[in-house]
């Protein structure tokens, strides 16, 4: 068995390559990623939300999350758990994302 060589911070950094196609900001800075758990075997569970329950691009974003992590050394299965509580709000965005969208 290969030892896991990546951390939660590495996963979050990798997820910054996934953008919400409607907003044009990455999902980490948007505040959509709530948690990431890494199992000893390299499986990753990303707990996240979407900007709205009816987001038509939700399946695309989930697929992009899985794709963004596939090249990590020692990665196992990548699963995405979509949750709706707490509900996403613009207050969850990073300062960089707020600046990019012109929100003060």
N, C-alpha and C. Protein backbone atom coordinates (compact mmCIF):
# COMPACT_ATOMS: atom_id res chain seq x y z
N UNK A 1 0.85 -1.19 0.00
CA UNK A 1 0.00 0.00 0.00
C UNK A 1 0.89 1.25 0.00
N UNK A 2 0.56 2.19 -0.85
CA UNK A 2 1.31 3.44 -0.95
C UNK A 2 0.87 4.39 0.14
N UNK A 3 1.84 5.02 0.77
CA UNK A 3 1.52 5.99 1.82
C UNK A 3 0.92 7.23 1.19
N UNK A 4 -0.02 7.82 1.89
CA UNK A 4 -0.63 9.06 1.43
C UNK A 4 0.40 10.18 1.54
N UNK A 5 0.64 10.86 0.44
CA UNK A 5 1.68 11.89 0.41
C UNK A 5 1.09 13.29 0.27
N UNK A 6 -0.21 13.41 0.44
CA UNK A 6 -0.84 14.72 0.30
C UNK A 6 -1.68 15.01 1.54
N UNK A 7 -1.91 16.30 1.76
CA UNK A 7 -2.63 16.74 2.96
C UNK A 7 -3.97 17.37 2.58
N UNK A 8 -4.73 17.70 3.59
CA UNK A 8 -5.99 18.42 3.36
C UNK A 8 -5.74 19.75 2.67
N UNK A 9 -4.63 20.40 3.05
CA UNK A 9 -4.29 21.68 2.42
C UNK A 9 -3.98 21.48 0.94
N UNK A 10 -3.29 20.36 0.61
CA UNK A 10 -3.01 20.05 -0.78
C UNK A 10 -4.31 19.84 -1.57
N UNK A 11 -5.26 19.13 -0.95
CA UNK A 11 -6.55 18.89 -1.61
C UNK A 11 -7.25 20.23 -1.85
N UNK A 12 -7.29 21.08 -0.84
CA UNK A 12 -7.94 22.39 -1.01
C UNK A 12 -7.25 23.20 -2.11
N UNK A 13 -5.94 23.13 -2.15
CA UNK A 13 -5.19 23.85 -3.20
C UNK A 13 -5.53 23.28 -4.58
N UNK A 14 -5.61 21.95 -4.67
CA UNK A 14 -5.98 21.31 -5.93
C UNK A 14 -7.37 21.69 -6.39
N UNK A 15 -8.27 21.87 -5.43
CA UNK A 15 -9.65 22.23 -5.78
C UNK A 15 -9.79 23.68 -6.24
N UNK A 16 -8.75 24.46 -6.04
CA UNK A 16 -8.79 25.85 -6.54
C UNK A 16 -8.76 25.90 -8.07
N UNK A 17 -8.49 24.76 -8.71
CA UNK A 17 -8.52 24.72 -10.17
C UNK A 17 -9.94 24.49 -10.70
N UNK A 18 -10.89 24.27 -9.79
CA UNK A 18 -12.29 24.04 -10.18
C UNK A 18 -13.06 25.35 -10.01
N UNK A 19 -13.61 25.81 -11.11
CA UNK A 19 -14.33 27.09 -11.10
C UNK A 19 -15.82 26.88 -11.26
N UNK A 20 -16.59 27.71 -10.56
CA UNK A 20 -18.03 27.75 -10.80
C UNK A 20 -18.19 28.42 -12.17
N UNK A 21 -18.69 27.70 -13.17
CA UNK A 21 -18.72 28.25 -14.52
C UNK A 21 -19.63 29.48 -14.67
N UNK A 22 -20.60 29.63 -13.81
CA UNK A 22 -21.51 30.77 -13.92
C UNK A 22 -20.92 32.03 -13.27
N UNK A 23 -20.10 31.83 -12.23
CA UNK A 23 -19.57 32.98 -11.49
C UNK A 23 -18.13 33.27 -11.88
N UNK A 24 -17.38 32.25 -12.27
CA UNK A 24 -16.00 32.45 -12.70
C UNK A 24 -15.00 32.57 -11.56
N UNK A 25 -15.35 32.06 -10.39
CA UNK A 25 -14.48 32.05 -9.21
C UNK A 25 -14.31 30.59 -8.79
N UNK A 26 -13.13 30.25 -8.28
CA UNK A 26 -12.93 28.85 -7.89
C UNK A 26 -13.79 28.50 -6.67
N UNK A 27 -14.09 27.20 -6.55
CA UNK A 27 -15.03 26.75 -5.53
C UNK A 27 -14.51 26.90 -4.11
N UNK A 28 -13.20 26.92 -3.94
CA UNK A 28 -12.63 27.11 -2.60
C UNK A 28 -12.84 28.56 -2.16
N UNK A 29 -12.45 29.52 -3.02
CA UNK A 29 -12.62 30.93 -2.67
C UNK A 29 -14.09 31.33 -2.59
N UNK A 30 -14.95 30.62 -3.31
CA UNK A 30 -16.39 30.89 -3.20
C UNK A 30 -16.94 30.42 -1.85
N UNK A 31 -16.20 29.56 -1.17
CA UNK A 31 -16.67 29.04 0.11
C UNK A 31 -17.57 27.82 -0.04
N UNK A 32 -17.50 27.15 -1.18
CA UNK A 32 -18.35 25.99 -1.42
C UNK A 32 -17.80 24.71 -0.81
N UNK A 33 -16.49 24.66 -0.56
CA UNK A 33 -15.86 23.46 0.00
C UNK A 33 -15.86 23.60 1.53
N UNK A 34 -16.58 22.71 2.18
CA UNK A 34 -16.69 22.76 3.64
C UNK A 34 -15.62 21.92 4.33
N UNK A 35 -15.28 20.76 3.75
CA UNK A 35 -14.34 19.87 4.42
C UNK A 35 -13.78 18.88 3.41
N UNK A 36 -12.64 18.31 3.73
CA UNK A 36 -12.08 17.20 2.95
C UNK A 36 -11.44 16.23 3.92
N UNK A 37 -11.86 14.99 3.81
CA UNK A 37 -11.32 13.93 4.66
C UNK A 37 -10.49 12.99 3.81
N UNK A 38 -9.34 12.60 4.33
CA UNK A 38 -8.45 11.69 3.62
C UNK A 38 -8.32 10.41 4.45
N UNK A 39 -8.68 9.29 3.84
CA UNK A 39 -8.55 8.00 4.50
C UNK A 39 -7.11 7.50 4.36
N UNK A 40 -6.75 6.53 5.19
CA UNK A 40 -5.39 5.97 5.16
C UNK A 40 -5.05 5.36 3.82
N UNK A 41 -6.06 4.87 3.09
CA UNK A 41 -5.81 4.25 1.78
C UNK A 41 -5.78 5.27 0.64
N UNK A 42 -5.92 6.57 0.96
CA UNK A 42 -5.85 7.61 -0.06
C UNK A 42 -7.18 8.04 -0.61
N UNK A 43 -8.27 7.40 -0.17
CA UNK A 43 -9.60 7.86 -0.60
C UNK A 43 -9.86 9.24 -0.03
N UNK A 44 -10.53 10.07 -0.80
CA UNK A 44 -10.83 11.43 -0.36
C UNK A 44 -12.33 11.66 -0.42
N UNK A 45 -12.86 12.25 0.63
CA UNK A 45 -14.27 12.67 0.66
C UNK A 45 -14.29 14.18 0.77
N UNK A 46 -14.83 14.83 -0.26
CA UNK A 46 -14.97 16.29 -0.27
C UNK A 46 -16.41 16.60 0.08
N UNK A 47 -16.61 17.34 1.17
CA UNK A 47 -17.94 17.78 1.56
C UNK A 47 -18.08 19.22 1.12
N UNK A 48 -19.10 19.46 0.30
CA UNK A 48 -19.25 20.80 -0.26
C UNK A 48 -20.71 21.09 -0.55
N UNK A 49 -20.96 22.29 -0.96
CA UNK A 49 -22.30 22.70 -1.34
C UNK A 49 -22.21 23.38 -2.70
N UNK A 50 -23.32 23.85 -3.17
CA UNK A 50 -23.40 24.64 -4.39
C UNK A 50 -24.05 25.97 -4.04
N UNK A 51 -23.98 26.93 -4.95
CA UNK A 51 -24.55 28.24 -4.63
C UNK A 51 -26.06 28.17 -4.49
N UNK A 52 -26.69 27.16 -5.11
CA UNK A 52 -28.14 26.96 -4.94
C UNK A 52 -28.46 25.49 -5.14
N UNK A 53 -29.53 25.04 -4.52
CA UNK A 53 -29.94 23.64 -4.62
C UNK A 53 -30.21 23.26 -6.08
N UNK A 54 -30.78 24.16 -6.84
CA UNK A 54 -31.13 23.86 -8.22
C UNK A 54 -30.04 24.19 -9.22
N UNK A 55 -28.81 24.32 -8.78
CA UNK A 55 -27.71 24.69 -9.68
C UNK A 55 -27.64 23.68 -10.84
N UNK A 56 -27.89 24.14 -12.07
CA UNK A 56 -27.90 23.20 -13.19
C UNK A 56 -26.53 22.63 -13.53
N UNK A 57 -25.47 23.27 -13.06
CA UNK A 57 -24.12 22.80 -13.36
C UNK A 57 -23.52 21.99 -12.22
N UNK A 58 -24.33 21.63 -11.22
CA UNK A 58 -23.85 20.84 -10.10
C UNK A 58 -23.12 19.57 -10.52
N UNK A 59 -23.70 18.76 -11.42
CA UNK A 59 -23.01 17.53 -11.85
C UNK A 59 -21.67 17.81 -12.53
N UNK A 60 -21.58 18.90 -13.26
CA UNK A 60 -20.32 19.27 -13.92
C UNK A 60 -19.28 19.63 -12.86
N UNK A 61 -19.67 20.40 -11.86
CA UNK A 61 -18.74 20.81 -10.80
C UNK A 61 -18.25 19.58 -10.03
N UNK A 62 -19.15 18.65 -9.72
CA UNK A 62 -18.75 17.42 -9.02
C UNK A 62 -17.74 16.64 -9.85
N UNK A 63 -17.97 16.51 -11.15
CA UNK A 63 -17.05 15.81 -12.03
C UNK A 63 -15.70 16.52 -12.07
N UNK A 64 -15.71 17.84 -12.10
CA UNK A 64 -14.47 18.61 -12.12
C UNK A 64 -13.68 18.44 -10.82
N UNK A 65 -14.39 18.33 -9.69
CA UNK A 65 -13.72 18.08 -8.41
C UNK A 65 -12.96 16.75 -8.48
N UNK A 66 -13.61 15.73 -8.97
CA UNK A 66 -12.97 14.42 -9.07
C UNK A 66 -11.78 14.48 -10.03
N UNK A 67 -11.93 15.18 -11.12
CA UNK A 67 -10.85 15.30 -12.11
C UNK A 67 -9.66 16.08 -11.55
N UNK A 68 -9.92 17.11 -10.76
CA UNK A 68 -8.86 17.98 -10.24
C UNK A 68 -7.89 17.24 -9.32
N UNK A 69 -8.34 16.16 -8.70
CA UNK A 69 -7.51 15.45 -7.73
C UNK A 69 -6.92 14.15 -8.27
N UNK A 70 -7.28 13.76 -9.48
CA UNK A 70 -6.92 12.43 -9.99
C UNK A 70 -5.41 12.19 -10.11
N UNK A 71 -4.63 13.25 -10.27
CA UNK A 71 -3.18 13.07 -10.46
C UNK A 71 -2.38 13.12 -9.17
N UNK A 72 -3.04 13.27 -8.03
CA UNK A 72 -2.32 13.26 -6.76
C UNK A 72 -1.71 11.87 -6.55
N UNK A 73 -0.44 11.84 -6.18
CA UNK A 73 0.21 10.56 -5.92
C UNK A 73 -0.44 9.88 -4.71
N UNK A 74 -0.83 8.64 -4.89
CA UNK A 74 -1.44 7.88 -3.80
C UNK A 74 -2.93 8.11 -3.63
N UNK A 75 -3.55 8.86 -4.55
CA UNK A 75 -4.98 9.13 -4.43
C UNK A 75 -5.77 7.85 -4.69
N UNK A 76 -6.82 7.67 -3.93
CA UNK A 76 -7.73 6.55 -4.15
C UNK A 76 -8.99 7.06 -4.81
N UNK A 77 -10.11 6.63 -4.31
CA UNK A 77 -11.40 7.10 -4.81
C UNK A 77 -11.65 8.52 -4.30
N UNK A 78 -12.21 9.35 -5.17
CA UNK A 78 -12.61 10.69 -4.77
C UNK A 78 -14.13 10.74 -4.79
N UNK A 79 -14.72 10.98 -3.63
CA UNK A 79 -16.17 11.06 -3.52
C UNK A 79 -16.55 12.48 -3.10
N UNK A 80 -17.66 12.94 -3.63
CA UNK A 80 -18.14 14.28 -3.30
C UNK A 80 -19.49 14.13 -2.60
N UNK A 81 -19.58 14.71 -1.43
CA UNK A 81 -20.83 14.72 -0.67
C UNK A 81 -21.40 16.13 -0.72
N UNK A 82 -22.52 16.29 -1.43
CA UNK A 82 -23.18 17.59 -1.49
C UNK A 82 -24.10 17.74 -0.29
N UNK A 83 -23.96 18.85 0.41
CA UNK A 83 -24.80 19.13 1.57
C UNK A 83 -25.45 20.49 1.37
N UNK A 84 -26.56 20.70 2.06
CA UNK A 84 -27.30 21.97 1.92
C UNK A 84 -27.38 22.72 3.23
N UNK A 85 -26.72 22.18 4.25
CA UNK A 85 -26.70 22.86 5.53
C UNK A 85 -25.27 22.83 6.05
N UNK A 86 -24.68 23.96 6.34
CA UNK A 86 -25.31 25.27 6.23
C UNK A 86 -25.46 25.70 4.77
N UNK A 87 -26.48 26.47 4.53
CA UNK A 87 -26.71 26.98 3.18
C UNK A 87 -25.60 27.97 2.82
N UNK A 88 -25.19 27.94 1.56
CA UNK A 88 -24.16 28.86 1.10
C UNK A 88 -24.71 30.27 1.06
N UNK A 89 -23.84 31.23 1.38
CA UNK A 89 -24.17 32.64 1.23
C UNK A 89 -22.91 33.37 0.79
N UNK A 90 -23.04 34.55 0.20
CA UNK A 90 -21.86 35.30 -0.22
C UNK A 90 -20.90 35.61 0.93
N UNK A 91 -21.37 35.59 2.15
CA UNK A 91 -20.50 35.85 3.30
C UNK A 91 -19.42 34.77 3.44
N UNK A 92 -19.61 33.61 2.82
CA UNK A 92 -18.64 32.52 2.91
C UNK A 92 -17.47 32.69 1.96
N UNK A 93 -17.53 33.65 1.07
CA UNK A 93 -16.47 33.84 0.09
C UNK A 93 -15.22 34.43 0.74
N UNK A 94 -14.07 34.11 0.15
CA UNK A 94 -12.82 34.69 0.62
C UNK A 94 -12.79 36.17 0.25
N UNK A 95 -11.89 36.89 0.88
CA UNK A 95 -11.75 38.32 0.56
C UNK A 95 -11.36 38.51 -0.90
N UNK A 96 -10.51 37.62 -1.42
CA UNK A 96 -10.10 37.69 -2.83
C UNK A 96 -11.31 37.55 -3.76
N UNK A 97 -12.18 36.61 -3.45
CA UNK A 97 -13.37 36.40 -4.28
C UNK A 97 -14.29 37.62 -4.22
N UNK A 98 -14.47 38.15 -3.02
CA UNK A 98 -15.31 39.35 -2.88
C UNK A 98 -14.74 40.51 -3.66
N UNK A 99 -13.42 40.67 -3.59
CA UNK A 99 -12.75 41.75 -4.34
C UNK A 99 -12.96 41.56 -5.84
N UNK A 100 -12.80 40.31 -6.30
CA UNK A 100 -12.93 40.03 -7.73
C UNK A 100 -14.35 40.33 -8.24
N UNK A 101 -15.33 40.12 -7.36
CA UNK A 101 -16.71 40.39 -7.75
C UNK A 101 -17.16 41.80 -7.41
N UNK A 102 -16.24 42.60 -6.86
CA UNK A 102 -16.57 43.98 -6.54
C UNK A 102 -17.47 44.13 -5.32
N UNK A 103 -17.37 43.19 -4.40
CA UNK A 103 -18.19 43.24 -3.16
C UNK A 103 -17.33 43.78 -2.01
N UNK A 104 -17.82 44.81 -1.36
CA UNK A 104 -17.06 45.38 -0.24
C UNK A 104 -17.78 45.23 1.04
